[in-house]
Amino acid sequence: CFLWDRGRVSIQAASGVAQMFASMTAFALYTILSKRVVGRHGALVLSSFSFLSGSLLLLPATWAADGAPWRVLAAHHWMAIAYLALFATAAAYAAFFLGLKRASATQASMVFFLKPAVASALAALLLRERLGPLAVAGGILIVGATAVALRQTPAETR
């Protein structure tokens, strides 16, 4: 088991699992609460507010840990950050919120969590990364479970 190291529980692994559960819970709440708000304010407003407030909350911790970003980042770093901010984050979340506007929170969450399977498949196709049998089996389970869950009628998801 990945939590064990030399016969003992690995504090680092256990801490990582606890952080993943905290992240999972926070994102689940974020999705549910966003569903209530996206109809009133729209996907772009919700995405903008979410990222602006999140950035402002993280800024003091970032500065404390690494110093002012403009002192340590070169121009090519800023270009990479701009790409990640605009396409990998803003556009992706705007699309998520547009989908959330039209689908239930359950359906949106299910589709959202296809990411590991899709990312693994894209890594294999585009980066020529080799997927082991357990990764392939896990991807098949994710896609299959999502397909089964999405076949439920809306009344069954309440």
C-alpha atoms as a PDB file:
ATOM      1  CA  CYS A   1       0.000   0.000   0.000  1.00  0.00           C
ATOM      2  CA  PHE A   2       1.349   3.439  -0.871  1.00  0.00           C
ATOM      3  CA  LEU A   3       0.713   4.692   2.683  1.00  0.00           C
ATOM      4  CA  TRP A   4       3.280   2.303   4.151  1.00  0.00           C
ATOM      5  CA  ASP A   5       7.022   2.877   4.269  1.00  0.00           C
ATOM      6  CA  ARG A   6       9.254   0.275   5.951  1.00  0.00           C
ATOM      7  CA  GLY A   7       6.432  -1.177   8.004  1.00  0.00           C
ATOM      8  CA  ARG A   8       5.072   2.178   9.172  1.00  0.00           C
ATOM      9  CA  VAL A   9       2.539   4.653   7.906  1.00  0.00           C
ATOM     10  CA  SER A  10       4.291   7.295   5.818  1.00  0.00           C
ATOM     11  CA  ILE A  11       3.390  10.687   7.300  1.00  0.00           C
ATOM     12  CA  GLN A  12       4.129  12.334   3.957  1.00  0.00           C
ATOM     13  CA  ALA A  13       1.822   9.947   2.045  1.00  0.00           C
ATOM     14  CA  ALA A  14      -0.917  10.202   4.695  1.00  0.00           C
ATOM     15  CA  SER A  15      -0.662  14.000   4.579  1.00  0.00           C
ATOM     16  CA  GLY A  16      -0.951  13.908   0.785  1.00  0.00           C
ATOM     17  CA  VAL A  17      -4.050  11.696   0.945  1.00  0.00           C
ATOM     18  CA  ALA A  18      -5.620  14.006   3.551  1.00  0.00           C
ATOM     19  CA  GLN A  19      -4.908  17.019   1.316  1.00  0.00           C
ATOM     20  CA  MET A  20      -6.458  15.234  -1.677  1.00  0.00           C
ATOM     21  CA  PHE A  21      -9.602  14.480   0.336  1.00  0.00           C
ATOM     22  CA  ALA A  22      -9.758  18.121   1.460  1.00  0.00           C
ATOM     23  CA  SER A  23      -9.368  19.225  -2.169  1.00  0.00           C
ATOM     24  CA  MET A  24     -12.020  16.764  -3.320  1.00  0.00           C
ATOM     25  CA  THR A  25     -14.457  17.969  -0.664  1.00  0.00           C
ATOM     26  CA  ALA A  26     -13.769  21.634  -1.434  1.00  0.00           C
ATOM     27  CA  PHE A  27     -14.298  21.089  -5.161  1.00  0.00           C
ATOM     28  CA  ALA A  28     -17.513  19.158  -4.548  1.00  0.00           C
ATOM     29  CA  LEU A  29     -18.853  22.043  -2.451  1.00  0.00           C
ATOM     30  CA  TYR A  30     -17.618  24.517  -5.065  1.00  0.00           C
ATOM     31  CA  THR A  31     -19.553  22.684  -7.786  1.00  0.00           C
ATOM     32  CA  ILE A  32     -22.760  22.472  -5.751  1.00  0.00           C
ATOM     33  CA  LEU A  33     -22.643  26.116  -4.675  1.00  0.00           C
ATOM     34  CA  SER A  34     -21.688  27.247  -8.199  1.00  0.00           C
ATOM     35  CA  LYS A  35     -24.736  25.488  -9.622  1.00  0.00           C
ATOM     36  CA  ARG A  36     -26.921  27.772  -7.536  1.00  0.00           C
ATOM     37  CA  VAL A  37     -25.122  30.939  -8.671  1.00  0.00           C
ATOM     38  CA  VAL A  38     -24.260  30.326 -12.333  1.00  0.00           C
ATOM     39  CA  GLY A  39     -27.856  30.777 -13.517  1.00  0.00           C
ATOM     40  CA  ARG A  40     -28.076  34.253 -11.985  1.00  0.00           C
ATOM     41  CA  HIS A  41     -24.656  35.653 -12.841  1.00  0.00           C
ATOM     42  CA  GLY A  42     -23.350  33.626 -15.785  1.00  0.00           C
ATOM     43  CA  ALA A  43     -20.264  31.511 -16.397  1.00  0.00           C
ATOM     44  CA  LEU A  44     -17.844  34.332 -17.173  1.00  0.00           C
ATOM     45  CA  VAL A  45     -18.704  36.366 -14.072  1.00  0.00           C
ATOM     46  CA  LEU A  46     -18.529  33.297 -11.844  1.00  0.00           C
ATOM     47  CA  SER A  47     -15.187  32.170 -13.294  1.00  0.00           C
ATOM     48  CA  SER A  48     -13.727  35.660 -13.040  1.00  0.00           C
ATOM     49  CA  PHE A  49     -14.838  36.133  -9.451  1.00  0.00           C
ATOM     50  CA  SER A  50     -13.616  32.662  -8.447  1.00  0.00           C
ATOM     51  CA  PHE A  51     -10.137  33.122  -9.864  1.00  0.00           C
ATOM     52  CA  LEU A  52      -9.714  36.723  -8.763  1.00  0.00           C
ATOM     53  CA  SER A  53     -10.731  35.947  -5.176  1.00  0.00           C
ATOM     54  CA  GLY A  54      -8.641  32.750  -5.122  1.00  0.00           C
ATOM     55  CA  SER A  55      -5.605  34.609  -6.450  1.00  0.00           C
ATOM     56  CA  LEU A  56      -5.964  37.383  -3.892  1.00  0.00           C
ATOM     57  CA  LEU A  57      -6.244  34.825  -1.086  1.00  0.00           C
ATOM     58  CA  LEU A  58      -3.114  32.960  -2.250  1.00  0.00           C
ATOM     59  CA  LEU A  59      -1.011  36.047  -2.953  1.00  0.00           C
ATOM     60  CA  PRO A  60       0.216  36.633   0.638  1.00  0.00           C
ATOM     61  CA  ALA A  61       1.238  32.965   1.033  1.00  0.00           C
ATOM     62  CA  THR A  62       3.019  33.030  -2.330  1.00  0.00           C
ATOM     63  CA  TRP A  63       4.924  36.189  -1.496  1.00  0.00           C
ATOM     64  CA  ALA A  64       5.868  34.817   1.922  1.00  0.00           C
ATOM     65  CA  ALA A  65       7.186  31.584   0.417  1.00  0.00           C
ATOM     66  CA  ASP A  66       8.859  32.825  -2.777  1.00  0.00           C
ATOM     67  CA  GLY A  67       9.021  36.610  -2.738  1.00  0.00           C
ATOM     68  CA  ALA A  68       7.492  38.991  -5.241  1.00  0.00           C
ATOM     69  CA  PRO A  69       6.860  37.109  -8.517  1.00  0.00           C
ATOM     70  CA  TRP A  70       8.148  39.868 -10.801  1.00  0.00           C
ATOM     71  CA  ARG A  71      11.580  39.556  -9.169  1.00  0.00           C
ATOM     72  CA  VAL A  72      12.048  35.857  -9.929  1.00  0.00           C
ATOM     73  CA  LEU A  73      10.203  35.254 -13.195  1.00  0.00           C
ATOM     74  CA  ALA A  74      11.568  35.895 -16.687  1.00  0.00           C
ATOM     75  CA  ALA A  75       9.458  36.945 -19.691  1.00  0.00           C
ATOM     76  CA  HIS A  76       9.061  33.371 -20.951  1.00  0.00           C
ATOM     77  CA  HIS A  77       7.694  32.389 -17.530  1.00  0.00           C
ATOM     78  CA  TRP A  78       5.052  35.098 -17.785  1.00  0.00           C
ATOM     79  CA  MET A  79       4.066  33.867 -21.253  1.00  0.00           C
ATOM     80  CA  ALA A  80       3.611  30.341 -19.893  1.00  0.00           C
ATOM     81  CA  ILE A  81       1.572  31.717 -16.984  1.00  0.00           C
ATOM     82  CA  ALA A  82      -0.604  33.704 -19.408  1.00  0.00           C
ATOM     83  CA  TYR A  83      -1.264  30.558 -21.466  1.00  0.00           C
ATOM     84  CA  LEU A  84      -2.163  28.575 -18.341  1.00  0.00           C
ATOM     85  CA  ALA A  85      -4.369  31.379 -17.032  1.00  0.00           C
ATOM     86  CA  LEU A  86      -6.247  32.019 -20.272  1.00  0.00           C
ATOM     87  CA  PHE A  87      -6.599  28.609 -21.853  1.00  0.00           C
ATOM     88  CA  ALA A  88      -5.948  25.849 -19.341  1.00  0.00           C
ATOM     89  CA  THR A  89      -7.823  27.628 -16.566  1.00  0.00           C
ATOM     90  CA  ALA A  90     -10.173  30.440 -17.616  1.00  0.00           C
ATOM     91  CA  ALA A  91     -11.448  28.873 -20.838  1.00  0.00           C
ATOM     92  CA  ALA A  92     -11.726  25.429 -19.253  1.00  0.00           C
ATOM     93  CA  TYR A  93     -13.656  26.678 -16.236  1.00  0.00           C
ATOM     94  CA  ALA A  94     -15.873  28.943 -18.357  1.00  0.00           C
ATOM     95  CA  ALA A  95     -16.789  25.841 -20.373  1.00  0.00           C
ATOM     96  CA  PHE A  96     -17.372  23.924 -17.119  1.00  0.00           C
ATOM     97  CA  PHE A  97     -19.698  26.641 -15.802  1.00  0.00           C
ATOM     98  CA  LEU A  98     -21.566  26.819 -19.119  1.00  0.00           C
ATOM     99  CA  GLY A  99     -22.076  23.068 -18.855  1.00  0.00           C
ATOM    100  CA  LEU A 100     -23.098  23.430 -15.215  1.00  0.00           C
ATOM    101  CA  LYS A 101     -25.726  25.942 -16.286  1.00  0.00           C
ATOM    102  CA  ARG A 102     -27.327  23.300 -18.526  1.00  0.00           C
ATOM    103  CA  ALA A 103     -26.679  20.107 -16.529  1.00  0.00           C
ATOM    104  CA  SER A 104     -27.163  19.007 -12.945  1.00  0.00           C
ATOM    105  CA  ALA A 105     -24.310  19.355 -10.477  1.00  0.00           C
ATOM    106  CA  THR A 106     -24.089  15.558 -10.411  1.00  0.00           C
ATOM    107  CA  GLN A 107     -23.786  15.287 -14.188  1.00  0.00           C
ATOM    108  CA  ALA A 108     -21.240  18.106 -14.355  1.00  0.00           C
ATOM    109  CA  SER A 109     -19.120  16.514 -11.620  1.00  0.00           C
ATOM    110  CA  MET A 110     -19.207  13.128 -13.297  1.00  0.00           C
ATOM    111  CA  VAL A 111     -18.033  14.524 -16.633  1.00  0.00           C
ATOM    112  CA  PHE A 112     -15.439  16.732 -14.914  1.00  0.00           C
ATOM    113  CA  PHE A 113     -13.870  13.713 -13.257  1.00  0.00           C
ATOM    114  CA  LEU A 114     -13.181  12.062 -16.595  1.00  0.00           C
ATOM    115  CA  LYS A 115     -10.067  14.280 -16.586  1.00  0.00           C
ATOM    116  CA  PRO A 116      -7.637  11.606 -15.343  1.00  0.00           C
ATOM    117  CA  ALA A 117      -8.661   9.162 -18.060  1.00  0.00           C
ATOM    118  CA  VAL A 118      -8.619  11.821 -20.783  1.00  0.00           C
ATOM    119  CA  ALA A 119      -5.301  13.270 -19.597  1.00  0.00           C
ATOM    120  CA  SER A 120      -3.707   9.819 -19.542  1.00  0.00           C
ATOM    121  CA  ALA A 121      -4.996   9.007 -23.022  1.00  0.00           C
ATOM    122  CA  LEU A 122      -3.750  12.346 -24.369  1.00  0.00           C
ATOM    123  CA  ALA A 123      -0.357  11.839 -22.719  1.00  0.00           C
ATOM    124  CA  ALA A 124      -0.086   8.457 -24.421  1.00  0.00           C
ATOM    125  CA  LEU A 125      -1.156   9.854 -27.803  1.00  0.00           C
ATOM    126  CA  LEU A 126       0.600  13.215 -27.835  1.00  0.00           C
ATOM    127  CA  LEU A 127       3.622  12.658 -25.602  1.00  0.00           C
ATOM    128  CA  ARG A 128       4.096   8.960 -26.359  1.00  0.00           C
ATOM    129  CA  GLU A 129       3.964   8.116 -22.659  1.00  0.00           C
ATOM    130  CA  ARG A 130       3.514   4.445 -21.961  1.00  0.00           C
ATOM    131  CA  LEU A 131       0.456   3.507 -19.925  1.00  0.00           C
ATOM    132  CA  GLY A 132       0.779   0.411 -17.798  1.00  0.00           C
ATOM    133  CA  PRO A 133      -2.007  -2.148 -17.506  1.00  0.00           C
ATOM    134  CA  LEU A 134      -3.263  -0.712 -14.212  1.00  0.00           C
ATOM    135  CA  ALA A 135      -3.500   2.787 -15.713  1.00  0.00           C
ATOM    136  CA  VAL A 136      -5.447   1.416 -18.689  1.00  0.00           C
ATOM    137  CA  ALA A 137      -7.730  -0.583 -16.368  1.00  0.00           C
ATOM    138  CA  GLY A 138      -8.263   2.486 -14.185  1.00  0.00           C
ATOM    139  CA  GLY A 139      -9.145   4.589 -17.219  1.00  0.00           C
ATOM    140  CA  ILE A 140     -11.624   1.990 -18.404  1.00  0.00           C
ATOM    141  CA  LEU A 141     -13.205   1.877 -14.936  1.00  0.00           C
ATOM    142  CA  ILE A 142     -13.494   5.686 -14.806  1.00  0.00           C
ATOM    143  CA  VAL A 143     -15.100   5.905 -18.245  1.00  0.00           C
ATOM    144  CA  GLY A 144     -17.383   2.921 -17.589  1.00  0.00           C
ATOM    145  CA  ALA A 145     -18.515   4.139 -14.179  1.00  0.00           C
ATOM    146  CA  THR A 146     -19.172   7.607 -15.556  1.00  0.00           C
ATOM    147  CA  ALA A 147     -21.208   6.186 -18.440  1.00  0.00           C
ATOM    148  CA  VAL A 148     -23.309   4.119 -16.025  1.00  0.00           C
ATOM    149  CA  ALA A 149     -23.826   7.053 -13.672  1.00  0.00           C
ATOM    150  CA  LEU A 150     -24.807   9.418 -16.488  1.00  0.00           C
ATOM    151  CA  ARG A 151     -27.436   6.963 -17.760  1.00  0.00           C
ATOM    152  CA  GLN A 152     -29.496   7.604 -14.630  1.00  0.00           C
ATOM    153  CA  THR A 153     -32.600   9.706 -15.046  1.00  0.00           C
ATOM    154  CA  PRO A 154     -32.538  13.139 -13.369  1.00  0.00           C
ATOM    155  CA  ALA A 155     -34.938  11.914 -10.639  1.00  0.00           C
ATOM    156  CA  GLU A 156     -32.439   9.166  -9.697  1.00  0.00           C
ATOM    157  CA  THR A 157     -29.623  11.698  -9.119  1.00  0.00           C
ATOM    158  CA  ARG A 158     -31.504  13.720  -6.511  1.00  0.00           C
END
